PDB file of N, CA and C in Angstrom:
ATOM      1  N   MET A   1      88.100 112.242 106.848  1.00  0.00           N
ATOM      2  CA  MET A   1      88.289 113.601 106.467  1.00  0.00           C
ATOM      3  C   MET A   1      87.912 113.893 105.091  1.00  0.00           C
ATOM      4  N   LEU A   2      87.627 115.263 104.876  1.00  0.00           N
ATOM      5  CA  LEU A   2      87.880 115.806 103.546  1.00  0.00           C
ATOM      6  C   LEU A   2      88.864 117.187 103.139  1.00  0.00           C
ATOM      7  N   ASN A   3      88.876 117.388 102.204  1.00  0.00           N
ATOM      8  CA  ASN A   3      89.796 118.509 101.774  1.00  0.00           C
ATOM      9  C   ASN A   3      89.408 118.978 100.412  1.00  0.00           C
ATOM     10  N   LEU A   4      89.366 120.487 100.332  1.00  0.00           N
ATOM     11  CA  LEU A   4      88.765 120.712  98.939  1.00  0.00           C
ATOM     12  C   LEU A   4      90.108 121.828  98.787  1.00  0.00           C
ATOM     13  N   ALA A   5      89.389 121.998  97.421  1.00  0.00           N
ATOM     14  CA  ALA A   5      91.091 122.587  96.227  1.00  0.00           C
ATOM     15  C   ALA A   5      89.754 123.447  95.380  1.00  0.00           C
ATOM     16  N   SER A   6      90.460 124.120  94.967  1.00  0.00           N
ATOM     17  CA  SER A   6      89.678 124.843  93.820  1.00  0.00           C
ATOM     18  C   SER A   6      90.284 125.622  92.849  1.00  0.00           C
ATOM     19  N   SER A   7      90.307 125.291  91.794  1.00  0.00           N
ATOM     20  CA  SER A   7      91.201 126.493  90.803  1.00  0.00           C
ATOM     21  C   SER A   7      89.993 127.151  89.428  1.00  0.00           C
ATOM     22  N   ARG A   8      90.634 128.287  89.076  1.00  0.00           N
ATOM     23  CA  ARG A   8      90.001 129.227  88.156  1.00  0.00           C
ATOM     24  C   ARG A   8      90.590 129.094  86.391  1.00  0.00           C
ATOM     25  N   ILE A   9      89.668 129.158  86.005  1.00  0.00           N
ATOM     26  CA  ILE A   9      90.281 129.132  84.257  1.00  0.00           C
ATOM     27  C   ILE A   9      89.414 130.034  83.229  1.00  0.00           C
ATOM     28  N   THR A  10      89.989 130.889  83.081  1.00  0.00           N
ATOM     29  CA  THR A  10      89.051 131.809  81.907  1.00  0.00           C
ATOM     30  C   THR A  10      89.585 132.208  80.485  1.00  0.00           C
ATOM     31  N   THR A  11      88.814 131.873  79.587  1.00  0.00           N
ATOM     32  CA  THR A  11      89.019 131.411  78.456  1.00  0.00           C
ATOM     33  C   THR A  11      88.403 132.107  77.338  1.00  0.00           C
ATOM     34  N   HIS A  12      88.358 131.555  76.374  1.00  0.00           N
ATOM     35  CA  HIS A  12      87.887 132.051  74.959  1.00  0.00           C
ATOM     36  C   HIS A  12      86.910 131.316  74.162  1.00  0.00           C
ATOM     37  N   SER A  13      85.760 131.180  73.571  1.00  0.00           N
ATOM     38  CA  SER A  13      84.974 130.110  72.761  1.00  0.00           C
ATOM     39  C   SER A  13      85.211 130.991  71.347  1.00  0.00           C
ATOM     40  N   LYS A  14      85.216 130.214  69.999  1.00  0.00           N
ATOM     41  CA  LYS A  14      85.006 130.362  68.635  1.00  0.00           C
ATOM     42  C   LYS A  14      84.482 131.677  68.480  1.00  0.00           C
ATOM     43  N   LYS A  15      83.100 131.328  69.625  1.00  0.00           N
ATOM     44  CA  LYS A  15      82.110 132.468  69.065  1.00  0.00           C
ATOM     45  C   LYS A  15      82.471 133.659  70.044  1.00  0.00           C
ATOM     46  N   THR A  16      83.875 134.054  70.634  1.00  0.00           N
ATOM     47  CA  THR A  16      83.847 134.974  71.290  1.00  0.00           C
ATOM     48  C   THR A  16      83.224 135.046  72.626  1.00  0.00           C
ATOM     49  N   ASN A  17      82.431 134.306  72.467  1.00  0.00           N
ATOM     50  CA  ASN A  17      81.718 134.290  74.055  1.00  0.00           C
ATOM     51  C   ASN A  17      82.927 134.391  74.959  1.00  0.00           C
ATOM     52  N   MET A  18      82.458 134.935  76.055  1.00  0.00           N
ATOM     53  CA  MET A  18      83.987 134.866  77.193  1.00  0.00           C
ATOM     54  C   MET A  18      83.599 133.659  78.137  1.00  0.00           C
ATOM     55  N   LYS A  19      83.928 132.555  79.136  1.00  0.00           N
ATOM     56  CA  LYS A  19      83.610 131.976  79.720  1.00  0.00           C
ATOM     57  C   LYS A  19      84.766 131.775  81.210  1.00  0.00           C
ATOM     58  N   GLU A  20      83.897 131.330  82.041  1.00  0.00           N
ATOM     59  CA  GLU A  20      84.745 131.005  83.180  1.00  0.00           C
ATOM     60  C   GLU A  20      85.069 129.523  83.865  1.00  0.00           C
ATOM     61  N   TYR A  21      86.042 129.175  83.534  1.00  0.00           N
ATOM     62  CA  TYR A  21      85.590 127.823  84.057  1.00  0.00           C
ATOM     63  C   TYR A  21      86.788 127.297  85.607  1.00  0.00           C
ATOM     64  N   LYS A  22      85.268 126.604  86.018  1.00  0.00           N
ATOM     65  CA  LYS A  22      86.641 126.429  87.807  1.00  0.00           C
ATOM     66  C   LYS A  22      86.410 124.943  88.273  1.00  0.00           C
ATOM     67  N   VAL A  23      87.176 124.444  88.416  1.00  0.00           N
ATOM     68  CA  VAL A  23      87.344 123.100  88.937  1.00  0.00           C
ATOM     69  C   VAL A  23      87.487 122.560  90.689  1.00  0.00           C
ATOM     70  N   GLU A  24      86.776 121.970  91.015  1.00  0.00           N
ATOM     71  CA  GLU A  24      86.479 121.716  92.557  1.00  0.00           C
ATOM     72  C   GLU A  24      87.332 120.265  92.593  1.00  0.00           C
ATOM     73  N   SER A  25      87.583 120.068  93.798  1.00  0.00           N
ATOM     74  CA  SER A  25      88.519 118.959  93.948  1.00  0.00           C
ATOM     75  C   SER A  25      87.817 118.738  95.076  1.00  0.00           C
ATOM     76  N   LEU A  26      87.552 117.225  95.526  1.00  0.00           N
ATOM     77  CA  LEU A  26      87.130 117.184  96.798  1.00  0.00           C
ATOM     78  C   LEU A  26      87.934 115.682  97.490  1.00  0.00           C
ATOM     79  N   ILE A  27      88.531 115.795  98.418  1.00  0.00           N
ATOM     80  CA  ILE A  27      89.234 113.888  98.608  1.00  0.00           C
ATOM     81  C   ILE A  27      88.625 113.332  99.912  1.00  0.00           C
ATOM     82  N   TYR A  28      88.250 112.660  99.607  1.00  0.00           N
ATOM     83  CA  TYR A  28      87.323 111.803 100.741  1.00  0.00           C
ATOM     84  C   TYR A  28      88.575 110.018 101.243  1.00  0.00           C
ATOM     85  N   TYR A  29      89.210 110.095 102.510  1.00  0.00           N
ATOM     86  CA  TYR A  29      89.650 109.258 102.778  1.00  0.00           C
ATOM     87  C   TYR A  29      89.065 108.147 103.447  1.00  0.00           C
ATOM     88  N   SER A  30      89.521 106.841 102.265  1.00  0.00           N
ATOM     89  CA  SER A  30      89.185 105.467 103.254  1.00  0.00           C
ATOM     90  C   SER A  30      89.331 105.264 104.769  1.00  0.00           C
ATOM     91  N   LYS A  31      88.288 104.060 105.306  1.00  0.00           N
ATOM     92  CA  LYS A  31      88.235 104.327 106.621  1.00  0.00           C
ATOM     93  C   LYS A  31      88.184 102.207 106.799  1.00  0.00           C
ATOM     94  N   LEU A  32      88.330 102.054 107.571  1.00  0.00           N
ATOM     95  CA  LEU A  32      88.432 100.836 108.358  1.00  0.00           C
ATOM     96  C   LEU A  32      86.851 100.485 108.415  1.00  0.00           C
ATOM     97  N   THR A  33      85.730  99.244 107.791  1.00  0.00           N
ATOM     98  CA  THR A  33      84.442  99.648 108.079  1.00  0.00           C
ATOM     99  C   THR A  33      83.968  98.259 107.203  1.00  0.00           C
ATOM    100  N   THR A  34      82.806  97.941 107.562  1.00  0.00           N
ATOM    101  CA  THR A  34      82.393  96.796 106.885  1.00  0.00           C
ATOM    102  C   THR A  34      80.881  97.600 105.949  1.00  0.00           C
ATOM    103  N   ASP A  35      81.267  99.074 105.773  1.00  0.00           N
ATOM    104  CA  ASP A  35      79.853  99.651 104.570  1.00  0.00           C
ATOM    105  C   ASP A  35      80.908 100.045 103.461  1.00  0.00           C
ATOM    106  N   SER A  36      81.210  98.686 102.122  1.00  0.00           N
ATOM    107  CA  SER A  36      81.594  99.350 101.227  1.00  0.00           C
ATOM    108  C   SER A  36      81.619 100.741 100.724  1.00  0.00           C
ATOM    109  N   LYS A  37      80.136 101.347 101.202  1.00  0.00           N
ATOM    110  CA  LYS A  37      79.632 102.343 100.085  1.00  0.00           C
ATOM    111  C   LYS A  37      79.896 103.636 101.151  1.00  0.00           C
ATOM    112  N   HIS A  38      81.237 103.683 102.580  1.00  0.00           N
ATOM    113  CA  HIS A  38      80.839 104.909 103.038  1.00  0.00           C
ATOM    114  C   HIS A  38      81.264 105.664 102.177  1.00  0.00           C
ATOM    115  N   ILE A  39      82.342 105.960 101.604  1.00  0.00           N
ATOM    116  CA  ILE A  39      82.629 107.372 101.046  1.00  0.00           C
ATOM    117  C   ILE A  39      81.306 107.879  99.988  1.00  0.00           C
ATOM    118  N   SER A  40      80.865 107.065  99.064  1.00  0.00           N
ATOM    119  CA  SER A  40      79.621 107.352  98.648  1.00  0.00           C
ATOM    120  C   SER A  40      78.558 107.802  99.190  1.00  0.00           C
ATOM    121  N   LYS A  41      78.714 107.524 100.647  1.00  0.00           N
ATOM    122  CA  LYS A  41      77.716 107.945 101.421  1.00  0.00           C
ATOM    123  C   LYS A  41      77.827 109.065 101.979  1.00  0.00           C
ATOM    124  N   SER A  42      79.120 109.416 102.606  1.00  0.00           N
ATOM    125  CA  SER A  42      79.439 110.662 103.147  1.00  0.00           C
ATOM    126  C   SER A  42      79.650 111.735 102.510  1.00  0.00           C
ATOM    127  N   SER A  43      79.852 111.733 100.855  1.00  0.00           N
ATOM    128  CA  SER A  43      80.321 112.688  99.800  1.00  0.00           C
ATOM    129  C   SER A  43      78.645 113.462  99.458  1.00  0.00           C
ATOM    130  N   LYS A  44      78.195 112.904  99.459  1.00  0.00           N
ATOM    131  CA  LYS A  44      76.791 113.059  99.026  1.00  0.00           C
ATOM    132  C   LYS A  44      76.155 114.571  99.409  1.00  0.00           C
ATOM    133  N   LYS A  45      76.371 114.492 100.732  1.00  0.00           N
ATOM    134  CA  LYS A  45      75.962 116.116 101.294  1.00  0.00           C
ATOM    135  C   LYS A  45      77.272 116.652 100.591  1.00  0.00           C
ATOM    136  N   ASP A  46      78.235 116.747 100.671  1.00  0.00           N
ATOM    137  CA  ASP A  46      79.541 117.741 100.474  1.00  0.00           C
ATOM    138  C   ASP A  46      79.107 118.026  98.518  1.00  0.00           C
ATOM    139  N   ILE A  47      79.145 117.250  98.187  1.00  0.00           N
ATOM    140  CA  ILE A  47      78.856 117.615  96.642  1.00  0.00           C
ATOM    141  C   ILE A  47      77.661 118.417  96.399  1.00  0.00           C
ATOM    142  N   GLN A  48      76.071 117.968  96.997  1.00  0.00           N
ATOM    143  CA  GLN A  48      75.189 118.785  97.232  1.00  0.00           C
ATOM    144  C   GLN A  48      75.188 119.991  97.212  1.00  0.00           C
ATOM    145  N   ASP A  49      76.002 120.028  98.414  1.00  0.00           N
ATOM    146  CA  ASP A  49      76.565 121.273  99.083  1.00  0.00           C
ATOM    147  C   ASP A  49      77.408 122.268  97.852  1.00  0.00           C
ATOM    148  N   LYS A  50      78.203 121.834  97.270  1.00  0.00           N
ATOM    149  CA  LYS A  50      79.278 122.358  96.253  1.00  0.00           C
ATOM    150  C   LYS A  50      78.279 123.053  94.780  1.00  0.00           C
ATOM    151  N   LEU A  51      77.449 121.882  94.696  1.00  0.00           N
ATOM    152  CA  LEU A  51      76.477 121.867  93.219  1.00  0.00           C
ATOM    153  C   LEU A  51      75.908 123.237  93.566  1.00  0.00           C
ATOM    154  N   ASP A  52      75.077 123.296  95.102  1.00  0.00           N
ATOM    155  CA  ASP A  52      74.403 124.505  95.016  1.00  0.00           C
ATOM    156  C   ASP A  52      74.853 125.854  95.436  1.00  0.00           C
ATOM    157  N   GLU A  53      76.352 126.045  95.773  1.00  0.00           N
ATOM    158  CA  GLU A  53      76.939 126.798  95.896  1.00  0.00           C
ATOM    159  C   GLU A  53      77.555 127.690  94.261  1.00  0.00           C
ATOM    160  N   TYR A  54      77.844 126.605  93.743  1.00  0.00           N
ATOM    161  CA  TYR A  54      78.394 127.059  92.448  1.00  0.00           C
ATOM    162  C   TYR A  54      76.963 127.718  91.572  1.00  0.00           C
ATOM    163  N   SER A  55      76.318 126.699  91.939  1.00  0.00           N
ATOM    164  CA  SER A  55      75.038 127.114  90.965  1.00  0.00           C
ATOM    165  C   SER A  55      74.119 128.379  91.443  1.00  0.00           C
ATOM    166  N   LYS A  56      73.940 129.152  92.651  1.00  0.00           N
ATOM    167  CA  LYS A  56      73.889 130.673  93.021  1.00  0.00           C
ATOM    168  C   LYS A  56      74.929 131.075  92.744  1.00  0.00           C
ATOM    169  N   ASN A  57      75.832 130.946  91.795  1.00  0.00           N
ATOM    170  CA  ASN A  57      76.783 132.298  91.334  1.00  0.00           C
ATOM    171  C   ASN A  57      76.878 132.126  89.996  1.00  0.00           C
ATOM    172  N   GLY A  58      75.714 131.370  89.435  1.00  0.00           N
ATOM    173  CA  GLY A  58      76.004 131.267  88.075  1.00  0.00           C
ATOM    174  C   GLY A  58      76.358 130.215  87.255  1.00  0.00           C
ATOM    175  N   TYR A  59      77.418 129.378  87.871  1.00  0.00           N
ATOM    176  CA  TYR A  59      77.980 128.084  87.488  1.00  0.00           C
ATOM    177  C   TYR A  59      76.885 126.996  87.046  1.00  0.00           C
ATOM    178  N   ARG A  60      77.374 126.035  86.353  1.00  0.00           N
ATOM    179  CA  ARG A  60      77.074 125.255  85.607  1.00  0.00           C
ATOM    180  C   ARG A  60      78.072 123.755  85.654  1.00  0.00           C
ATOM    181  N   LEU A  61      77.403 122.716  86.062  1.00  0.00           N
ATOM    182  CA  LEU A  61      77.982 121.512  86.096  1.00  0.00           C
ATOM    183  C   LEU A  61      78.486 120.664  84.569  1.00  0.00           C
ATOM    184  N   VAL A  62      79.300 121.075  84.509  1.00  0.00           N
ATOM    185  CA  VAL A  62      79.856 120.543  82.786  1.00  0.00           C
ATOM    186  C   VAL A  62      80.367 118.930  82.674  1.00  0.00           C
ATOM    187  N   SER A  63      81.419 118.887  83.874  1.00  0.00           N
ATOM    188  CA  SER A  63      81.568 117.389  83.936  1.00  0.00           C
ATOM    189  C   SER A  63      82.187 117.041  85.238  1.00  0.00           C
ATOM    190  N   THR A  64      82.409 115.942  85.607  1.00  0.00           N
ATOM    191  CA  THR A  64      82.754 114.922  86.865  1.00  0.00           C
ATOM    192  C   THR A  64      84.343 114.144  86.236  1.00  0.00           C
ATOM    193  N   ASP A  65      84.578 113.244  87.524  1.00  0.00           N
ATOM    194  CA  ASP A  65      85.665 112.714  87.332  1.00  0.00           C
ATOM    195  C   ASP A  65      86.200 112.263  88.511  1.00  0.00           C
ATOM    196  N   THR A  66      86.553 110.924  88.805  1.00  0.00           N
ATOM    197  CA  THR A  66      87.311 110.245  90.125  1.00  0.00           C
ATOM    198  C   THR A  66      88.510 109.911  89.864  1.00  0.00           C
ATOM    199  N   THR A  67      89.137 109.336  90.739  1.00  0.00           N
ATOM    200  CA  THR A  67      90.371 108.705  90.847  1.00  0.00           C
ATOM    201  C   THR A  67      90.510 108.361  92.089  1.00  0.00           C
ATOM    202  N   ASN A  68      91.086 107.048  92.622  1.00  0.00           N
ATOM    203  CA  ASN A  68      91.674 106.681  93.938  1.00  0.00           C
ATOM    204  C   ASN A  68      93.031 106.225  93.846  1.00  0.00           C
ATOM    205  N   PHE A  69      93.655 106.839  94.486  1.00  0.00           N
ATOM    206  CA  PHE A  69      95.114 106.527  94.879  1.00  0.00           C
ATOM    207  C   PHE A  69      95.136 106.272  96.463  1.00  0.00           C
ATOM    208  N   GLY A  70      95.870 105.311  96.895  1.00  0.00           N
ATOM    209  CA  GLY A  70      96.339 104.290  98.043  1.00  0.00           C
ATOM    210  C   GLY A  70      95.109 104.413  98.871  1.00  0.00           C
ATOM    211  N   PHE A  71      94.279 105.086  99.737  1.00  0.00           N
ATOM    212  CA  PHE A  71      92.839 105.202 100.313  1.00  0.00           C
ATOM    213  C   PHE A  71      92.533 106.041 100.359  1.00  0.00           C
ATOM    214  N   ALA A  72      92.473 107.059  99.480  1.00  0.00           N
ATOM    215  CA  ALA A  72      92.315 108.784  99.081  1.00  0.00           C
ATOM    216  C   ALA A  72      91.193 108.432  97.789  1.00  0.00           C
ATOM    217  N   VAL A  73      90.115 108.690  97.636  1.00  0.00           N
ATOM    218  CA  VAL A  73      89.180 109.004  96.564  1.00  0.00           C
ATOM    219  C   VAL A  73      89.004 110.468  96.275  1.00  0.00           C
ATOM    220  N   TYR A  74      89.711 110.489  95.051  1.00  0.00           N
ATOM    221  CA  TYR A  74      89.826 112.109  94.799  1.00  0.00           C
ATOM    222  C   TYR A  74      88.408 112.577  93.274  1.00  0.00           C
ATOM    223  N   ILE A  75      87.404 113.276  93.849  1.00  0.00           N
ATOM    224  CA  ILE A  75      86.291 113.467  93.343  1.00  0.00           C
ATOM    225  C   ILE A  75      86.770 114.884  92.652  1.00  0.00           C
ATOM    226  N   TYR A  76      86.469 115.330  91.158  1.00  0.00           N
ATOM    227  CA  TYR A  76      86.607 116.289  90.115  1.00  0.00           C
ATOM    228  C   TYR A  76      84.960 116.858  89.961  1.00  0.00           C
ATOM    229  N   LEU A  77      84.758 118.320  90.006  1.00  0.00           N
ATOM    230  CA  LEU A  77      83.435 118.582  89.634  1.00  0.00           C
ATOM    231  C   LEU A  77      84.301 120.184  88.907  1.00  0.00           C
ATOM    232  N   TYR A  78      83.976 119.765  87.421  1.00  0.00           N
ATOM    233  CA  TYR A  78      84.531 120.893  86.606  1.00  0.00           C
ATOM    234  C   TYR A  78      82.727 122.002  86.358  1.00  0.00           C
ATOM    235  N   PHE A  79      82.955 123.458  86.141  1.00  0.00           N
ATOM    236  CA  PHE A  79      82.070 124.231  86.435  1.00  0.00           C
ATOM    237  C   PHE A  79      82.493 125.121  85.275  1.00  0.00           C
ATOM    238  N   GLU A  80      81.310 125.845  84.377  1.00  0.00           N
ATOM    239  CA  GLU A  80      81.420 127.051  83.734  1.00  0.00           C
ATOM    240  C   GLU A  80      80.153 127.524  83.861  1.00  0.00           C
ATOM    241  N   LYS A  81      80.711 129.233  83.744  1.00  0.00           N
ATOM    242  CA  LYS A  81      79.560 130.027  83.304  1.00  0.00           C
ATOM    243  C   LYS A  81      80.106 131.183  82.877  1.00  0.00           C
ATOM    244  N   ASP A  82      78.953 131.973  81.125  1.00  0.00           N
ATOM    245  CA  ASP A  82      79.378 132.601  80.681  1.00  0.00           C
ATOM    246  C   ASP A  82      79.719 134.143  81.371  1.00  0.00           C
ATOM    247  N   LEU A  83      80.497 134.581  80.637  1.00  0.00           N
ATOM    248  CA  LEU A  83      81.085 136.265  81.230  1.00  0.00           C
ATOM    249  C   LEU A  83      80.297 137.134  80.757  1.00  0.00           C
TER     250      LEU A  83
END
């Protein structure tokens, strides 16, 4: 099961260049299986789709993060673009 959420932040840098930031979160739930890498395998296509989607809109990936809680794995993709 996959849940998607995104948020948007706009800020100024010291050079007065405006940047727009977006955070995309993808949530994957563990399942009973003998394949310990099933989340990694199933998330690759979704992550690549998000990278392609954002790059078409002028964003670049600047950071990533992951965390887990219970049976869920949260993957965060941080994007920015110049305005």
